[in-house]
């Protein structure tokens, strides 16, 4: 069973120890880096979601508010530990994150920037309804900008 939990002073070290597969390291920050970004971006209402699978820490996601156009939720980082990959944990966790953000509904959409070579991540996002906007950020020209709109 996959669920979202709060990362707090009692469990953050377990989440900080999570690691992606070797081939994915160039696409994502470390788990500790994701936790640090959650703190650094707190003025943008950043929050880190802990992903738990079968009662164990399995992943992290960082979402922050993006008030510039297009105003949206910015899914900055999303990682599933290598031990939990290929079991549907990432897809289910992303569904739960989207449901939580849709319930809050501060913005009408969620944006994510994904490296064009990260085929596994692109498949998960597209499977859940993210579409390529065609926008290319000069600061990240190797990334595809994907958007998910709430129904």
N, C-alpha and C. Protein backbone atom coordinates (compact mmCIF):
# COMPACT_ATOMS: atom_id res chain seq x y z
N UNK A 1 0.83 -1.17 0.00
CA UNK A 1 0.00 0.00 0.00
C UNK A 1 0.89 1.25 0.00
N UNK A 2 0.57 2.19 -0.85
CA UNK A 2 1.31 3.44 -0.97
C UNK A 2 0.48 4.55 -0.32
N UNK A 3 1.16 5.38 0.45
CA UNK A 3 0.49 6.54 1.04
C UNK A 3 1.48 7.67 1.20
N UNK A 4 0.95 8.89 1.31
CA UNK A 4 1.77 10.07 1.56
C UNK A 4 1.81 10.32 3.05
N UNK A 5 2.99 10.66 3.55
CA UNK A 5 3.10 10.97 4.97
C UNK A 5 3.93 12.24 5.14
N UNK A 6 3.81 12.85 6.29
CA UNK A 6 4.59 14.04 6.61
C UNK A 6 6.02 13.63 6.92
N UNK A 7 6.97 14.35 6.36
CA UNK A 7 8.36 14.18 6.74
C UNK A 7 8.60 15.12 7.91
N UNK A 8 9.07 14.58 9.02
CA UNK A 8 9.22 15.39 10.23
C UNK A 8 10.52 15.04 10.96
N UNK A 9 10.68 15.60 12.14
CA UNK A 9 11.91 15.41 12.90
C UNK A 9 12.13 13.96 13.33
N UNK A 10 11.09 13.15 13.30
CA UNK A 10 11.21 11.76 13.72
C UNK A 10 11.58 10.81 12.58
N UNK A 11 11.34 11.21 11.33
CA UNK A 11 11.57 10.27 10.23
C UNK A 11 12.45 10.80 9.10
N UNK A 12 12.90 12.05 9.18
CA UNK A 12 13.60 12.64 8.05
C UNK A 12 14.89 11.90 7.70
N UNK A 13 15.58 11.34 8.69
CA UNK A 13 16.83 10.65 8.36
C UNK A 13 16.58 9.39 7.55
N UNK A 14 15.46 8.73 7.78
CA UNK A 14 15.10 7.55 6.97
C UNK A 14 14.84 7.96 5.53
N UNK A 15 14.18 9.10 5.33
CA UNK A 15 13.92 9.58 3.98
C UNK A 15 15.20 10.10 3.33
N UNK A 16 16.09 10.70 4.11
CA UNK A 16 17.34 11.22 3.58
C UNK A 16 18.24 10.11 3.03
N UNK A 17 18.02 8.89 3.49
CA UNK A 17 18.84 7.74 3.06
C UNK A 17 18.36 7.13 1.74
N UNK A 18 17.23 7.57 1.20
CA UNK A 18 16.71 6.99 -0.04
C UNK A 18 17.64 7.28 -1.20
N UNK A 19 17.69 6.35 -2.15
CA UNK A 19 18.57 6.49 -3.33
C UNK A 19 17.84 6.00 -4.57
N UNK A 20 18.06 6.70 -5.68
CA UNK A 20 17.52 6.24 -6.95
C UNK A 20 18.53 5.28 -7.58
N UNK A 21 18.13 4.63 -8.67
CA UNK A 21 19.03 3.74 -9.40
C UNK A 21 20.19 4.55 -9.97
N UNK A 22 21.32 3.90 -10.16
CA UNK A 22 22.52 4.59 -10.65
C UNK A 22 22.26 5.40 -11.91
N UNK A 23 21.52 4.86 -12.86
CA UNK A 23 21.26 5.55 -14.12
C UNK A 23 20.37 6.77 -14.01
N UNK A 24 19.76 6.98 -12.84
CA UNK A 24 18.85 8.11 -12.65
C UNK A 24 19.49 9.27 -11.89
N UNK A 25 20.67 9.07 -11.36
CA UNK A 25 21.30 10.09 -10.51
C UNK A 25 21.49 11.42 -11.23
N UNK A 26 21.69 11.39 -12.53
CA UNK A 26 21.92 12.66 -13.24
C UNK A 26 20.63 13.45 -13.45
N UNK A 27 19.49 12.83 -13.20
CA UNK A 27 18.21 13.50 -13.42
C UNK A 27 17.64 14.15 -12.16
N UNK A 28 18.07 13.72 -11.00
CA UNK A 28 17.46 14.16 -9.74
C UNK A 28 18.49 14.58 -8.72
N UNK A 29 18.05 15.38 -7.79
CA UNK A 29 18.85 15.72 -6.63
C UNK A 29 18.85 14.50 -5.70
N UNK A 30 19.71 14.50 -4.72
CA UNK A 30 19.70 13.45 -3.70
C UNK A 30 18.47 13.65 -2.81
N UNK A 31 18.15 12.64 -2.04
CA UNK A 31 17.03 12.78 -1.10
C UNK A 31 17.31 13.89 -0.10
N UNK A 32 18.54 13.98 0.38
CA UNK A 32 18.89 15.05 1.31
C UNK A 32 18.76 16.41 0.64
N UNK A 33 19.14 16.49 -0.64
CA UNK A 33 18.98 17.74 -1.39
C UNK A 33 17.53 18.14 -1.54
N UNK A 34 16.66 17.16 -1.75
CA UNK A 34 15.22 17.44 -1.87
C UNK A 34 14.69 17.99 -0.54
N UNK A 35 15.09 17.36 0.55
CA UNK A 35 14.67 17.84 1.86
C UNK A 35 15.17 19.26 2.11
N UNK A 36 16.40 19.54 1.73
CA UNK A 36 16.97 20.89 1.91
C UNK A 36 16.22 21.91 1.06
N UNK A 37 15.90 21.56 -0.16
CA UNK A 37 15.15 22.47 -1.02
C UNK A 37 13.80 22.81 -0.41
N UNK A 38 13.17 21.84 0.22
CA UNK A 38 11.89 22.09 0.88
C UNK A 38 12.01 23.19 1.92
N UNK A 39 13.14 23.23 2.60
CA UNK A 39 13.38 24.28 3.58
C UNK A 39 13.71 25.61 2.90
N UNK A 40 14.60 25.56 1.93
CA UNK A 40 15.05 26.78 1.26
C UNK A 40 13.90 27.50 0.56
N UNK A 41 12.99 26.75 -0.04
CA UNK A 41 11.88 27.33 -0.78
C UNK A 41 10.63 27.54 0.09
N UNK A 42 10.78 27.57 1.38
CA UNK A 42 9.61 27.69 2.26
C UNK A 42 8.81 28.97 2.01
N UNK A 43 9.45 30.04 1.54
CA UNK A 43 8.73 31.28 1.23
C UNK A 43 7.80 31.09 0.03
N UNK A 44 8.04 30.07 -0.77
CA UNK A 44 7.18 29.74 -1.92
C UNK A 44 6.19 28.63 -1.55
N UNK A 45 5.96 28.48 -0.26
CA UNK A 45 5.05 27.44 0.25
C UNK A 45 5.47 26.05 -0.20
N UNK A 46 6.76 25.81 -0.21
CA UNK A 46 7.27 24.49 -0.59
C UNK A 46 6.89 23.47 0.47
N UNK A 47 6.62 22.27 0.01
CA UNK A 47 6.37 21.17 0.93
C UNK A 47 6.92 19.89 0.33
N UNK A 48 7.42 19.07 1.23
CA UNK A 48 7.98 17.80 0.83
C UNK A 48 7.00 16.72 1.27
N UNK A 49 6.58 15.92 0.32
CA UNK A 49 5.72 14.78 0.61
C UNK A 49 6.61 13.55 0.79
N UNK A 50 6.41 12.82 1.86
CA UNK A 50 7.07 11.54 2.02
C UNK A 50 6.18 10.48 1.41
N UNK A 51 6.77 9.55 0.69
CA UNK A 51 6.04 8.44 0.10
C UNK A 51 6.40 7.19 0.90
N UNK A 52 5.40 6.52 1.38
CA UNK A 52 5.59 5.30 2.14
C UNK A 52 4.95 4.14 1.37
N UNK A 53 5.64 3.02 1.29
CA UNK A 53 5.11 1.82 0.64
C UNK A 53 5.27 0.66 1.60
N UNK A 54 4.17 0.00 1.87
CA UNK A 54 4.18 -1.14 2.81
C UNK A 54 4.84 -0.77 4.14
N UNK A 55 4.58 0.45 4.59
CA UNK A 55 5.08 0.90 5.89
C UNK A 55 6.53 1.37 5.91
N UNK A 56 7.18 1.42 4.74
CA UNK A 56 8.58 1.83 4.67
C UNK A 56 8.75 3.09 3.84
N UNK A 57 9.71 3.95 4.20
CA UNK A 57 9.99 5.12 3.36
C UNK A 57 10.38 4.66 1.95
N UNK A 58 9.71 5.22 0.94
CA UNK A 58 9.93 4.76 -0.43
C UNK A 58 10.22 5.89 -1.40
N UNK A 59 9.96 7.13 -1.03
CA UNK A 59 10.19 8.22 -1.97
C UNK A 59 9.91 9.57 -1.37
N UNK A 60 10.21 10.59 -2.19
CA UNK A 60 10.01 11.98 -1.80
C UNK A 60 9.52 12.77 -3.00
N UNK A 61 8.75 13.80 -2.72
CA UNK A 61 8.34 14.74 -3.76
C UNK A 61 8.36 16.14 -3.17
N UNK A 62 8.86 17.09 -3.96
CA UNK A 62 8.90 18.49 -3.56
C UNK A 62 7.97 19.28 -4.47
N UNK A 63 7.00 19.95 -3.87
CA UNK A 63 6.06 20.80 -4.61
C UNK A 63 6.12 22.19 -4.01
N UNK A 64 6.17 23.20 -4.89
CA UNK A 64 6.13 24.57 -4.40
C UNK A 64 5.17 25.37 -5.26
N UNK A 65 4.77 26.50 -4.73
CA UNK A 65 3.89 27.40 -5.47
C UNK A 65 4.70 28.17 -6.50
N UNK A 66 4.14 28.33 -7.67
CA UNK A 66 4.75 29.13 -8.72
C UNK A 66 3.73 30.20 -9.10
N UNK A 67 3.95 31.41 -8.63
CA UNK A 67 2.97 32.47 -8.84
C UNK A 67 3.16 33.23 -10.14
N UNK A 68 4.29 33.03 -10.82
CA UNK A 68 4.47 33.68 -12.12
C UNK A 68 3.72 32.88 -13.18
N UNK A 69 3.50 33.48 -14.31
CA UNK A 69 2.72 32.83 -15.37
C UNK A 69 3.48 31.68 -16.00
N UNK A 70 2.84 30.54 -16.17
CA UNK A 70 1.49 30.27 -15.70
C UNK A 70 1.50 29.90 -14.22
N UNK A 71 0.67 30.54 -13.44
CA UNK A 71 0.58 30.24 -12.01
C UNK A 71 0.13 28.79 -11.84
N UNK A 72 0.92 28.03 -11.08
CA UNK A 72 0.64 26.60 -10.95
C UNK A 72 1.42 26.03 -9.77
N UNK A 73 1.14 24.77 -9.49
CA UNK A 73 1.99 24.02 -8.58
C UNK A 73 3.20 23.58 -9.38
N UNK A 74 4.38 23.71 -8.80
CA UNK A 74 5.62 23.33 -9.46
C UNK A 74 6.15 22.07 -8.77
N UNK A 75 6.03 20.94 -9.45
CA UNK A 75 6.57 19.68 -8.93
C UNK A 75 8.05 19.66 -9.29
N UNK A 76 8.88 20.06 -8.35
CA UNK A 76 10.30 20.26 -8.63
C UNK A 76 11.09 18.96 -8.63
N UNK A 77 10.81 18.09 -7.73
CA UNK A 77 11.54 16.84 -7.60
C UNK A 77 10.56 15.74 -7.20
N UNK A 78 10.76 14.57 -7.79
CA UNK A 78 9.94 13.41 -7.43
C UNK A 78 10.80 12.18 -7.61
N UNK A 79 11.05 11.48 -6.52
CA UNK A 79 11.91 10.32 -6.60
C UNK A 79 11.33 9.14 -5.83
N UNK A 80 11.56 7.96 -6.38
CA UNK A 80 11.21 6.71 -5.72
C UNK A 80 12.50 5.94 -5.53
N UNK A 81 12.71 5.44 -4.33
CA UNK A 81 13.92 4.69 -4.01
C UNK A 81 14.05 3.48 -4.94
N UNK A 82 15.28 3.17 -5.27
CA UNK A 82 15.57 2.08 -6.22
C UNK A 82 14.94 0.75 -5.81
N UNK A 83 14.79 0.50 -4.51
CA UNK A 83 14.20 -0.77 -4.04
C UNK A 83 12.71 -0.87 -4.33
N UNK A 84 12.07 0.27 -4.60
CA UNK A 84 10.61 0.27 -4.81
C UNK A 84 10.23 0.55 -6.26
N UNK A 85 11.20 0.71 -7.13
CA UNK A 85 10.91 1.02 -8.52
C UNK A 85 10.40 -0.22 -9.25
N UNK A 86 9.59 0.03 -10.27
CA UNK A 86 9.05 -1.06 -11.08
C UNK A 86 7.90 -1.82 -10.44
N UNK A 87 7.37 -1.29 -9.36
CA UNK A 87 6.26 -1.94 -8.65
C UNK A 87 5.00 -1.09 -8.61
N UNK A 88 5.01 0.02 -9.35
CA UNK A 88 3.83 0.89 -9.39
C UNK A 88 3.78 1.92 -8.27
N UNK A 89 4.79 1.96 -7.42
CA UNK A 89 4.80 2.91 -6.29
C UNK A 89 4.82 4.35 -6.78
N UNK A 90 5.63 4.62 -7.79
CA UNK A 90 5.73 5.98 -8.30
C UNK A 90 4.43 6.47 -8.90
N UNK A 91 3.80 5.61 -9.69
CA UNK A 91 2.53 5.98 -10.32
C UNK A 91 1.47 6.24 -9.25
N UNK A 92 1.38 5.36 -8.27
CA UNK A 92 0.38 5.53 -7.22
C UNK A 92 0.68 6.76 -6.37
N UNK A 93 1.94 7.00 -6.05
CA UNK A 93 2.31 8.18 -5.27
C UNK A 93 1.97 9.45 -6.03
N UNK A 94 2.26 9.48 -7.31
CA UNK A 94 1.94 10.67 -8.11
C UNK A 94 0.44 10.90 -8.17
N UNK A 95 -0.34 9.83 -8.28
CA UNK A 95 -1.81 9.98 -8.22
C UNK A 95 -2.24 10.63 -6.91
N UNK A 96 -1.65 10.17 -5.81
CA UNK A 96 -2.00 10.71 -4.49
C UNK A 96 -1.60 12.18 -4.37
N UNK A 97 -0.46 12.54 -4.90
CA UNK A 97 -0.01 13.94 -4.87
C UNK A 97 -0.95 14.81 -5.68
N UNK A 98 -1.30 14.36 -6.87
CA UNK A 98 -2.22 15.13 -7.71
C UNK A 98 -3.58 15.28 -7.04
N UNK A 99 -4.06 14.23 -6.39
CA UNK A 99 -5.35 14.30 -5.68
C UNK A 99 -5.29 15.30 -4.53
N UNK A 100 -4.17 15.32 -3.80
CA UNK A 100 -4.03 16.26 -2.69
C UNK A 100 -4.00 17.70 -3.20
N UNK A 101 -3.29 17.93 -4.28
CA UNK A 101 -3.21 19.28 -4.84
C UNK A 101 -4.54 19.70 -5.45
N UNK A 102 -5.24 18.77 -6.08
CA UNK A 102 -6.55 19.10 -6.65
C UNK A 102 -7.54 19.44 -5.56
N UNK A 103 -7.47 18.75 -4.45
CA UNK A 103 -8.36 19.04 -3.33
C UNK A 103 -8.10 20.45 -2.79
N UNK A 104 -6.82 20.81 -2.70
CA UNK A 104 -6.46 22.15 -2.24
C UNK A 104 -6.88 23.21 -3.26
N UNK A 105 -6.60 22.96 -4.51
CA UNK A 105 -7.02 23.74 -5.68
C UNK A 105 -6.66 25.23 -5.63
N UNK A 106 -5.46 25.54 -5.16
CA UNK A 106 -5.00 26.93 -5.22
C UNK A 106 -4.72 27.33 -6.66
N UNK A 107 -4.26 26.38 -7.46
CA UNK A 107 -3.95 26.60 -8.88
C UNK A 107 -4.69 25.57 -9.72
N UNK A 108 -4.86 25.85 -11.01
CA UNK A 108 -5.59 24.92 -11.87
C UNK A 108 -4.72 23.81 -12.48
N UNK A 109 -3.40 23.85 -12.19
CA UNK A 109 -2.53 22.89 -12.88
C UNK A 109 -1.24 22.65 -12.10
N UNK A 110 -0.53 21.61 -12.56
CA UNK A 110 0.77 21.22 -11.98
C UNK A 110 1.77 21.17 -13.13
N UNK A 111 2.94 21.77 -12.90
CA UNK A 111 3.99 21.78 -13.91
C UNK A 111 5.18 20.96 -13.41
N UNK A 112 5.83 20.27 -14.35
CA UNK A 112 7.05 19.54 -14.02
C UNK A 112 7.99 19.62 -15.21
N UNK A 113 9.26 19.73 -14.93
CA UNK A 113 10.28 19.76 -15.98
C UNK A 113 11.03 18.43 -15.89
N UNK A 114 11.05 17.67 -16.97
CA UNK A 114 11.64 16.33 -16.97
C UNK A 114 12.71 16.25 -18.05
N UNK A 115 13.86 15.73 -17.70
CA UNK A 115 14.93 15.58 -18.69
C UNK A 115 14.44 14.68 -19.82
N UNK A 116 14.71 15.08 -21.04
CA UNK A 116 14.21 14.34 -22.21
C UNK A 116 14.73 12.91 -22.28
N UNK A 117 15.84 12.62 -21.62
CA UNK A 117 16.40 11.26 -21.62
C UNK A 117 15.85 10.39 -20.50
N UNK A 118 15.05 10.95 -19.62
CA UNK A 118 14.50 10.18 -18.49
C UNK A 118 13.18 9.52 -18.93
N UNK A 119 13.33 8.48 -19.75
CA UNK A 119 12.17 7.82 -20.37
C UNK A 119 11.19 7.26 -19.34
N UNK A 120 11.71 6.67 -18.27
CA UNK A 120 10.82 6.09 -17.26
C UNK A 120 9.94 7.15 -16.62
N UNK A 121 10.53 8.29 -16.26
CA UNK A 121 9.75 9.37 -15.64
C UNK A 121 8.74 9.93 -16.63
N UNK A 122 9.16 10.14 -17.86
CA UNK A 122 8.24 10.68 -18.87
C UNK A 122 7.03 9.76 -19.05
N UNK A 123 7.26 8.45 -19.05
CA UNK A 123 6.14 7.49 -19.19
C UNK A 123 5.14 7.63 -18.05
N UNK A 124 5.64 7.75 -16.82
CA UNK A 124 4.75 7.87 -15.66
C UNK A 124 3.93 9.15 -15.75
N UNK A 125 4.59 10.27 -16.04
CA UNK A 125 3.86 11.54 -16.13
C UNK A 125 2.82 11.52 -17.24
N UNK A 126 3.20 11.03 -18.39
CA UNK A 126 2.26 11.00 -19.53
C UNK A 126 1.12 10.03 -19.27
N UNK A 127 1.40 8.92 -18.60
CA UNK A 127 0.35 7.95 -18.27
C UNK A 127 -0.73 8.57 -17.39
N UNK A 128 -0.33 9.51 -16.53
CA UNK A 128 -1.28 10.15 -15.62
C UNK A 128 -1.89 11.42 -16.17
N UNK A 129 -1.57 11.77 -17.42
CA UNK A 129 -2.26 12.89 -18.05
C UNK A 129 -1.46 14.16 -18.23
N UNK A 130 -0.18 14.16 -17.90
CA UNK A 130 0.66 15.32 -18.17
C UNK A 130 0.90 15.41 -19.67
N UNK A 131 0.89 16.63 -20.19
CA UNK A 131 1.15 16.84 -21.62
C UNK A 131 2.30 17.83 -21.80
N UNK A 132 3.02 17.67 -22.88
CA UNK A 132 4.16 18.52 -23.19
C UNK A 132 3.64 19.88 -23.64
N UNK A 133 4.14 20.94 -23.01
CA UNK A 133 3.69 22.30 -23.36
C UNK A 133 4.45 22.85 -24.56
N UNK A 134 5.59 22.25 -24.88
CA UNK A 134 6.41 22.76 -25.96
C UNK A 134 7.36 23.86 -25.52
N UNK A 135 7.21 24.33 -24.31
CA UNK A 135 8.08 25.40 -23.79
C UNK A 135 9.47 24.83 -23.50
N UNK A 136 10.49 25.56 -23.90
CA UNK A 136 11.86 25.17 -23.61
C UNK A 136 12.50 26.27 -22.77
N UNK A 137 12.88 25.92 -21.57
CA UNK A 137 13.53 26.86 -20.65
C UNK A 137 15.00 26.97 -21.05
N UNK A 138 15.46 28.18 -21.27
CA UNK A 138 16.86 28.39 -21.66
C UNK A 138 17.82 27.86 -20.61
N UNK A 139 17.41 27.85 -19.36
CA UNK A 139 18.26 27.35 -18.28
C UNK A 139 18.30 25.83 -18.23
N UNK A 140 17.35 25.17 -18.87
CA UNK A 140 17.27 23.71 -18.88
C UNK A 140 16.82 23.23 -20.27
N UNK A 141 17.65 23.44 -21.29
CA UNK A 141 17.22 23.12 -22.66
C UNK A 141 17.04 21.63 -22.95
N UNK A 142 17.58 20.76 -22.08
CA UNK A 142 17.43 19.31 -22.27
C UNK A 142 16.19 18.75 -21.59
N UNK A 143 15.36 19.63 -21.07
CA UNK A 143 14.17 19.20 -20.35
C UNK A 143 12.89 19.48 -21.13
N UNK A 144 11.92 18.61 -20.90
CA UNK A 144 10.58 18.82 -21.46
C UNK A 144 9.71 19.39 -20.33
N UNK A 145 8.95 20.40 -20.66
CA UNK A 145 8.05 21.03 -19.71
C UNK A 145 6.68 20.38 -19.86
N UNK A 146 6.23 19.69 -18.82
CA UNK A 146 4.94 18.99 -18.85
C UNK A 146 3.96 19.68 -17.92
N UNK A 147 2.68 19.62 -18.29
CA UNK A 147 1.63 20.26 -17.49
C UNK A 147 0.48 19.29 -17.31
N UNK A 148 -0.07 19.31 -16.12
CA UNK A 148 -1.26 18.52 -15.79
C UNK A 148 -2.34 19.50 -15.34
N UNK A 149 -3.51 19.41 -15.96
CA UNK A 149 -4.63 20.29 -15.61
C UNK A 149 -5.67 19.49 -14.84
N UNK A 150 -6.15 20.06 -13.75
CA UNK A 150 -7.20 19.40 -12.98
C UNK A 150 -8.49 19.44 -13.78
N UNK A 151 -9.26 18.37 -13.68
CA UNK A 151 -10.51 18.24 -14.43
C UNK A 151 -11.60 19.16 -14.02
